[in-house]
Amino acid sequence: MKSIRKQSTYFLLFFGLIFTQALFSCDKNSSNQPSWEEPDVDITSTSDAAIVAQGWVLQTGYGTLPAYIRVYKSPSTLQSKNVIAYIAVADMGKAAFNVIGNASGYNTPAQFYATRSASIIMNGGYFWEGNSLSMLCRNGQVLCPNNQIEYRSDATVLYYPTRGAFGLMTDGTYQVNWIYTNDNITYAYPAPAPNQSGNTPLQMPSASFPEGAKVWSAKTAIGAGPVLIKDGKSINSYVAELFDDESGVQPGINAPRTAIGITKSNKMIFFVCEGRNMTTGVPGLTLADETAVLLDLGCVEALNLDGGGSSCMLINGKETIKPSDGKERSVVTGVSLN
């Protein structure tokens, strides 16, 4: 649902270009603000034109970024809710996507930035007591699998969830897959194993269950979940991935959210939104809201990452949203663009 008035695309693009040039001129002459040194940024490209037409505003106050990475702030409302959200949009023909962190150990996003200085850094997968609960794959090596077990009913019932991972595959494509690691082999499935809290647990996923298993082959990947978009279609798999309310993800609750996606034109999108009224009247988004926004932005594959107090995006080391803990939370993994 679009929450801004529809105007002609031509007018919006013309105004956006003039406004961007004006901001550049002001920044260049100001000694108090970092300069945006890419005055020839092309926001008329097909994917960015659609973003601008929805009311997202190009940001120019975060210092120098490569011409192939742009940052936008959302319009004041999305999905009929007051919102503060940011996206980083990167041309993956030129940009580098990386996962940061290890299987264990805490860092704030600012601490990650201090050691990596990436243009964009965002929080990544789930964790508990300093240990990652989500897939972390770097240089083709699985450093940590997705969480292999999930308890329900006061820790008396054990399930084996197939959960999502987003990554750069060995064939050069970016994909979201439901995966499970069994005997040190990670398999990808065309659909998640049909788990549901309260039902009889299913067998452990393997090469033969669920149907359609293939050996998952990624160069770089981050896990979390649930899957939001697959093959250009909205996916509602949070029940099967066991991200019901007991998981803490709270899919139907307004909250800060973080997500990662890829468009048909090979533009990667990092998404983060504020919530929990850190700014008065800004409650956050549900998973369904988040999915709708990412679809509107052109994502054909997208994965929900850890949200709530973990949600944070840094641009050249500077915060965008207000973290709902009141400060950056120490997390275990993250993702970056350079």
Protein backbone atom coordinates (compact mmCIF):
# COMPACT_ATOMS: atom_id res chain seq x y z
CA MET A 1 0.00 0.00 0.00
CA LYS A 2 1.46 3.35 -0.96
CA SER A 3 1.00 6.03 1.70
CA ILE A 4 2.08 9.05 -0.35
CA ARG A 5 0.20 10.94 -3.04
CA LYS A 6 0.84 9.65 -6.52
CA GLN A 7 2.52 12.22 -8.72
CA SER A 8 4.00 11.93 -12.16
CA THR A 9 7.27 10.03 -12.25
CA TYR A 10 8.78 12.71 -14.47
CA PHE A 11 8.10 15.47 -11.94
CA LEU A 12 9.50 13.45 -9.05
CA LEU A 13 12.66 12.52 -10.90
CA PHE A 14 13.22 16.11 -12.12
CA PHE A 15 12.67 17.55 -8.65
CA GLY A 16 14.84 14.85 -7.06
CA LEU A 17 17.74 15.60 -9.38
CA ILE A 18 17.55 19.38 -8.80
CA PHE A 19 17.22 18.89 -5.04
CA THR A 20 20.17 16.49 -4.93
CA GLN A 21 22.35 18.96 -6.84
CA ALA A 22 21.35 21.73 -4.45
CA LEU A 23 22.26 19.62 -1.44
CA PHE A 24 25.60 18.79 -2.95
CA SER A 25 26.38 22.46 -3.47
CA CYS A 26 25.48 23.27 0.14
CA ASP A 27 27.53 20.37 1.56
CA LYS A 28 30.54 21.32 -0.52
CA ASN A 29 30.58 24.83 0.94
CA SER A 30 29.91 23.80 4.54
CA SER A 31 32.75 23.18 6.97
CA ASN A 32 30.47 21.50 9.51
CA GLN A 33 29.04 18.64 7.44
CA PRO A 34 30.74 15.87 5.49
CA SER A 35 30.64 16.38 1.73
CA TRP A 36 28.94 14.06 -0.71
CA GLU A 37 31.57 13.72 -3.41
CA GLU A 38 29.47 11.90 -5.99
CA PRO A 39 27.44 14.71 -7.69
CA ASP A 40 26.85 12.54 -10.74
CA VAL A 41 24.89 9.84 -8.86
CA ASP A 42 22.32 8.55 -11.32
CA ILE A 43 18.99 8.22 -9.50
CA THR A 44 17.20 7.91 -12.81
CA SER A 45 18.35 4.31 -13.23
CA THR A 46 15.42 1.92 -13.45
CA SER A 47 15.51 0.51 -9.93
CA ASP A 48 16.32 3.80 -8.18
CA ALA A 49 13.68 5.66 -10.17
CA ALA A 50 11.06 3.37 -8.66
CA ILE A 51 12.48 3.99 -5.19
CA VAL A 52 12.45 7.78 -5.59
CA ALA A 53 8.91 7.66 -7.01
CA GLN A 54 7.73 6.07 -3.74
CA GLY A 55 9.02 9.00 -1.71
CA TRP A 56 12.39 7.65 -0.55
CA VAL A 57 14.89 10.50 -0.28
CA LEU A 58 18.55 10.23 -1.25
CA GLN A 59 20.76 10.92 1.78
CA THR A 60 23.81 13.14 1.37
CA GLY A 61 24.96 13.81 4.92
CA TYR A 62 26.91 10.66 5.73
CA GLY A 63 30.18 11.36 3.98
CA THR A 64 31.63 9.98 0.79
CA LEU A 65 30.16 6.76 -0.59
CA PRO A 66 31.10 4.88 -3.74
CA ALA A 67 28.92 5.92 -6.69
CA TYR A 68 27.51 2.38 -6.81
CA ILE A 69 26.13 2.56 -3.24
CA ARG A 70 23.32 4.96 -2.35
CA VAL A 71 21.36 5.48 0.85
CA TYR A 72 17.73 6.57 1.07
CA LYS A 73 15.45 7.57 3.93
CA SER A 74 11.82 6.50 3.82
CA PRO A 75 8.79 8.74 3.44
CA SER A 76 7.14 9.56 6.76
CA THR A 77 4.59 6.75 6.39
CA LEU A 78 4.79 3.23 5.04
CA GLN A 79 2.01 0.65 5.22
CA SER A 80 -0.17 3.37 6.81
CA LYS A 81 2.19 3.65 9.80
CA ASN A 82 4.51 6.42 10.91
CA VAL A 83 7.97 5.14 10.08
CA ILE A 84 11.65 5.99 10.09
CA ALA A 85 13.50 3.60 7.81
CA TYR A 86 16.65 3.57 5.75
CA ILE A 87 17.87 1.49 2.85
CA ALA A 88 21.29 1.07 1.32
CA VAL A 89 21.11 0.20 -2.38
CA ALA A 90 24.21 -1.31 -4.00
CA ASP A 91 24.96 -2.30 -7.58
CA MET A 92 26.36 -5.79 -7.06
CA GLY A 93 28.23 -5.68 -10.34
CA LYS A 94 30.62 -3.35 -8.49
CA ALA A 95 29.94 -3.60 -4.74
CA ALA A 96 31.28 -6.27 -2.39
CA PHE A 97 28.97 -8.07 0.05
CA ASN A 98 30.56 -9.53 3.18
CA VAL A 99 29.52 -11.19 6.41
CA ILE A 100 31.30 -10.09 9.56
CA GLY A 101 31.80 -11.60 12.97
CA ASN A 102 32.46 -15.18 14.00
CA ALA A 103 30.63 -18.13 15.51
CA SER A 104 31.04 -16.48 18.92
CA GLY A 105 32.07 -13.18 20.42
CA TYR A 106 30.30 -9.86 20.85
CA ASN A 107 30.79 -6.62 18.92
CA THR A 108 28.66 -3.54 18.48
CA PRO A 109 28.24 -2.37 14.87
CA ALA A 110 30.56 0.53 15.75
CA GLN A 111 33.21 -1.96 16.87
CA PHE A 112 32.80 -3.85 13.60
CA TYR A 113 33.27 -0.55 11.77
CA ALA A 114 36.41 0.27 13.74
CA THR A 115 38.09 -2.85 12.37
CA ARG A 116 36.58 -2.93 8.87
CA SER A 117 35.62 0.65 7.88
CA ALA A 118 33.01 -0.68 5.43
CA SER A 119 30.73 1.86 3.76
CA ILE A 120 27.61 0.12 5.13
CA ILE A 121 27.42 -2.12 8.19
CA MET A 122 24.21 -3.70 9.49
CA ASN A 123 23.44 -6.25 12.18
CA GLY A 124 23.08 -9.85 11.06
CA GLY A 125 21.73 -13.13 12.43
CA TYR A 126 20.40 -14.38 15.75
CA PHE A 127 22.54 -15.19 18.76
CA TRP A 128 22.40 -16.28 22.38
CA GLU A 129 24.96 -15.80 25.15
CA GLY A 130 27.61 -14.68 22.71
CA ASN A 131 27.12 -17.55 20.25
CA SER A 132 25.64 -17.29 16.77
CA LEU A 133 22.38 -19.15 16.16
CA SER A 134 22.43 -18.35 12.44
CA MET A 135 24.37 -19.43 9.38
CA LEU A 136 27.68 -17.69 8.86
CA CYS A 137 29.50 -18.65 5.67
CA ARG A 138 32.64 -16.89 4.50
CA ASN A 139 34.99 -17.81 1.65
CA GLY A 140 32.91 -20.90 1.03
CA GLN A 141 33.40 -22.17 4.59
CA VAL A 142 30.51 -22.66 7.02
CA LEU A 143 31.71 -21.07 10.25
CA CYS A 144 28.37 -21.64 11.98
CA PRO A 145 25.19 -23.41 10.79
CA ASN A 146 21.66 -22.17 11.30
CA ASN A 147 20.18 -23.23 14.62
CA GLN A 148 19.76 -27.00 14.38
CA ILE A 149 17.18 -27.49 17.12
CA GLU A 150 14.30 -25.53 18.57
CA TYR A 151 12.52 -26.37 21.81
CA ARG A 152 8.88 -25.74 22.60
CA SER A 153 6.48 -26.50 25.48
CA ASP A 154 8.83 -25.54 28.29
CA ALA A 155 11.81 -27.23 26.61
CA THR A 156 10.12 -30.64 26.48
CA VAL A 157 9.51 -30.88 22.72
CA LEU A 158 12.35 -30.76 20.19
CA TYR A 159 11.99 -29.63 16.56
CA TYR A 160 14.42 -29.43 13.64
CA PRO A 161 13.64 -26.22 11.72
CA THR A 162 14.75 -25.50 8.16
CA ARG A 163 15.46 -21.80 8.31
CA GLY A 164 16.47 -19.15 5.83
CA ALA A 165 19.84 -17.98 4.60
CA PHE A 166 20.73 -15.23 2.14
CA GLY A 167 23.92 -15.51 0.20
CA LEU A 168 26.15 -15.24 -2.81
CA MET A 169 26.13 -18.67 -4.44
CA THR A 170 28.99 -20.32 -6.31
CA ASP A 171 27.16 -19.65 -9.59
CA GLY A 172 27.34 -15.90 -8.92
CA THR A 173 23.66 -15.41 -8.06
CA TYR A 174 22.23 -14.08 -4.81
CA GLN A 175 19.59 -16.38 -3.35
CA VAL A 176 17.45 -17.01 -0.31
CA ASN A 177 17.15 -20.67 0.63
CA TRP A 178 15.72 -22.79 3.42
CA ILE A 179 18.66 -24.78 4.69
CA TYR A 180 19.70 -27.40 7.24
CA THR A 181 23.12 -28.83 8.07
CA ASN A 182 23.28 -32.57 8.63
CA ASP A 183 26.55 -34.46 9.15
CA ASN A 184 28.51 -31.35 8.06
CA ILE A 185 26.63 -31.11 4.75
CA THR A 186 24.24 -28.19 4.29
CA TYR A 187 21.17 -28.87 2.17
CA ALA A 188 18.81 -26.39 0.53
CA TYR A 189 15.09 -27.13 0.10
CA PRO A 190 12.43 -25.69 -2.23
CA ALA A 191 10.12 -25.21 0.78
CA PRO A 192 10.60 -25.38 4.54
CA ALA A 193 9.88 -28.54 6.49
CA PRO A 194 6.24 -28.14 7.62
CA ASN A 195 6.87 -27.75 11.34
CA GLN A 196 4.28 -26.21 13.63
CA SER A 197 4.47 -25.61 17.34
CA GLY A 198 2.17 -28.01 19.16
CA ASN A 199 2.28 -30.64 16.42
CA THR A 200 4.33 -33.83 16.46
CA PRO A 201 7.97 -33.00 15.64
CA LEU A 202 9.16 -34.00 12.18
CA GLN A 203 12.25 -36.04 11.39
CA MET A 204 15.61 -34.35 11.09
CA PRO A 205 16.13 -32.78 7.65
CA SER A 206 18.54 -34.64 5.40
CA ALA A 207 19.33 -35.41 1.76
CA SER A 208 15.91 -37.08 1.45
CA PHE A 209 13.68 -34.98 3.73
CA PRO A 210 12.04 -32.61 2.93
CA GLU A 211 11.70 -33.44 -0.74
CA GLY A 212 13.84 -31.69 -3.33
CA ALA A 213 17.00 -31.38 -1.26
CA LYS A 214 20.14 -30.13 -2.98
CA VAL A 215 23.58 -29.56 -1.57
CA TRP A 216 23.74 -25.86 -0.71
CA SER A 217 26.76 -24.15 -2.18
CA ALA A 218 27.50 -20.60 -1.10
CA LYS A 219 30.55 -18.37 -1.14
CA THR A 220 29.22 -15.84 1.38
CA ALA A 221 26.02 -16.10 3.39
CA ILE A 222 24.15 -14.95 6.48
CA GLY A 223 21.33 -16.88 8.10
CA ALA A 224 18.34 -15.73 10.17
CA GLY A 225 14.69 -15.80 9.14
CA PRO A 226 12.00 -16.09 8.30
CA VAL A 227 12.24 -15.95 4.52
CA LEU A 228 10.19 -12.95 3.34
CA ILE A 229 10.40 -13.14 -0.46
CA LYS A 230 11.36 -16.03 -2.75
CA ASP A 231 11.30 -15.95 -6.56
CA GLY A 232 9.54 -12.58 -6.47
CA LYS A 233 6.69 -13.80 -4.27
CA SER A 234 5.75 -12.96 -0.71
CA ILE A 235 6.42 -15.92 1.57
CA ASN A 236 4.66 -16.64 4.85
CA SER A 237 6.85 -19.37 6.35
CA TYR A 238 7.40 -18.09 9.87
CA VAL A 239 5.29 -20.90 11.36
CA ALA A 240 7.21 -23.62 9.53
CA GLU A 241 10.52 -21.97 10.42
CA LEU A 242 9.34 -21.92 14.05
CA PHE A 243 9.48 -18.15 14.31
CA ASP A 244 6.17 -18.03 16.16
CA ASP A 245 5.74 -15.82 19.22
CA GLU A 246 7.74 -18.25 21.38
CA SER A 247 10.81 -17.50 19.27
CA GLY A 248 10.83 -13.83 20.25
CA VAL A 249 10.55 -12.67 16.63
CA GLN A 250 6.89 -11.71 17.21
CA PRO A 251 5.90 -11.56 13.54
CA GLY A 252 2.62 -9.71 14.09
CA ILE A 253 3.99 -7.06 16.45
CA ASN A 254 5.22 -3.61 15.40
CA ALA A 255 8.96 -3.58 16.10
CA PRO A 256 12.32 -2.44 14.75
CA ARG A 257 13.18 -4.67 11.78
CA THR A 258 16.25 -5.51 9.72
CA ALA A 259 16.29 -7.30 6.36
CA ILE A 260 18.42 -8.00 3.32
CA GLY A 261 17.26 -8.51 -0.26
CA ILE A 262 18.23 -8.52 -3.92
CA THR A 263 16.35 -7.06 -6.88
CA LYS A 264 15.91 -8.43 -10.38
CA SER A 265 18.45 -5.86 -11.60
CA ASN A 266 21.05 -7.22 -9.13
CA LYS A 267 20.80 -4.36 -6.65
CA MET A 268 21.28 -5.45 -3.06
CA ILE A 269 19.10 -3.74 -0.47
CA PHE A 270 19.90 -3.43 3.22
CA PHE A 271 16.77 -2.36 5.13
CA VAL A 272 16.39 -1.16 8.70
CA CYS A 273 13.50 0.57 10.48
CA GLU A 274 13.15 2.22 13.85
CA GLY A 275 10.48 1.20 16.35
CA ARG A 276 9.23 0.91 19.92
CA ASN A 277 8.56 4.65 19.93
CA MET A 278 12.20 5.65 20.26
CA THR A 279 10.89 8.50 18.16
CA THR A 280 7.42 9.38 19.46
CA GLY A 281 4.70 7.84 17.33
CA VAL A 282 7.02 5.47 15.41
CA PRO A 283 6.05 1.93 16.47
CA GLY A 284 7.96 -0.13 13.91
CA LEU A 285 6.67 -2.70 11.42
CA THR A 286 5.32 -6.23 11.38
CA LEU A 287 6.94 -8.92 9.22
CA ALA A 288 4.07 -8.55 6.75
CA ASP A 289 4.72 -4.79 6.57
CA GLU A 290 8.42 -5.36 6.08
CA THR A 291 7.74 -7.83 3.27
CA ALA A 292 5.38 -5.41 1.50
CA VAL A 293 7.97 -2.62 1.66
CA LEU A 294 10.69 -4.85 0.22
CA LEU A 295 8.40 -6.00 -2.58
CA ASP A 296 7.63 -2.37 -3.41
CA LEU A 297 11.39 -1.73 -3.53
CA GLY A 298 11.75 -4.46 -6.15
CA CYS A 299 13.21 -7.31 -4.11
CA VAL A 300 12.80 -10.76 -5.64
CA GLU A 301 14.60 -12.52 -2.75
CA ALA A 302 14.63 -11.26 0.84
CA LEU A 303 15.37 -12.50 4.33
CA ASN A 304 14.44 -11.09 7.72
CA LEU A 305 17.45 -10.59 9.99
CA ASP A 306 17.60 -10.08 13.75
CA GLY A 307 15.43 -7.15 14.79
CA GLY A 308 14.33 -5.40 17.95
CA GLY A 309 17.20 -3.96 19.95
CA SER A 310 19.69 -5.47 17.49
CA SER A 311 18.43 -3.42 14.53
CA CYS A 312 21.14 -0.99 13.47
CA MET A 313 22.63 0.35 10.23
CA LEU A 314 25.80 2.41 10.05
CA ILE A 315 26.77 4.54 7.04
CA ASN A 316 30.47 5.36 7.15
CA GLY A 317 30.27 4.53 10.85
CA LYS A 318 27.33 6.86 11.58
CA GLU A 319 24.03 5.61 12.96
CA THR A 320 20.79 5.95 11.02
CA ILE A 321 17.89 4.85 13.27
CA LYS A 322 17.79 5.16 17.05
CA PRO A 323 18.47 1.66 18.45
CA SER A 324 15.62 0.60 20.69
CA ASP A 325 17.98 -0.37 23.54
CA GLY A 326 18.95 3.30 23.70
CA LYS A 327 22.39 2.42 22.37
CA GLU A 328 23.91 -0.04 19.93
CA ARG A 329 23.45 -3.60 21.07
CA SER A 330 26.42 -5.95 21.09
CA VAL A 331 25.74 -8.58 18.44
CA VAL A 332 27.63 -11.59 17.12
CA THR A 333 27.34 -11.25 13.34
CA GLY A 334 26.72 -8.56 10.77
CA VAL A 335 26.73 -7.80 7.06
CA SER A 336 28.56 -5.12 5.11
CA LEU A 337 28.78 -3.43 1.72
CA ASN A 338 31.83 -1.82 0.21
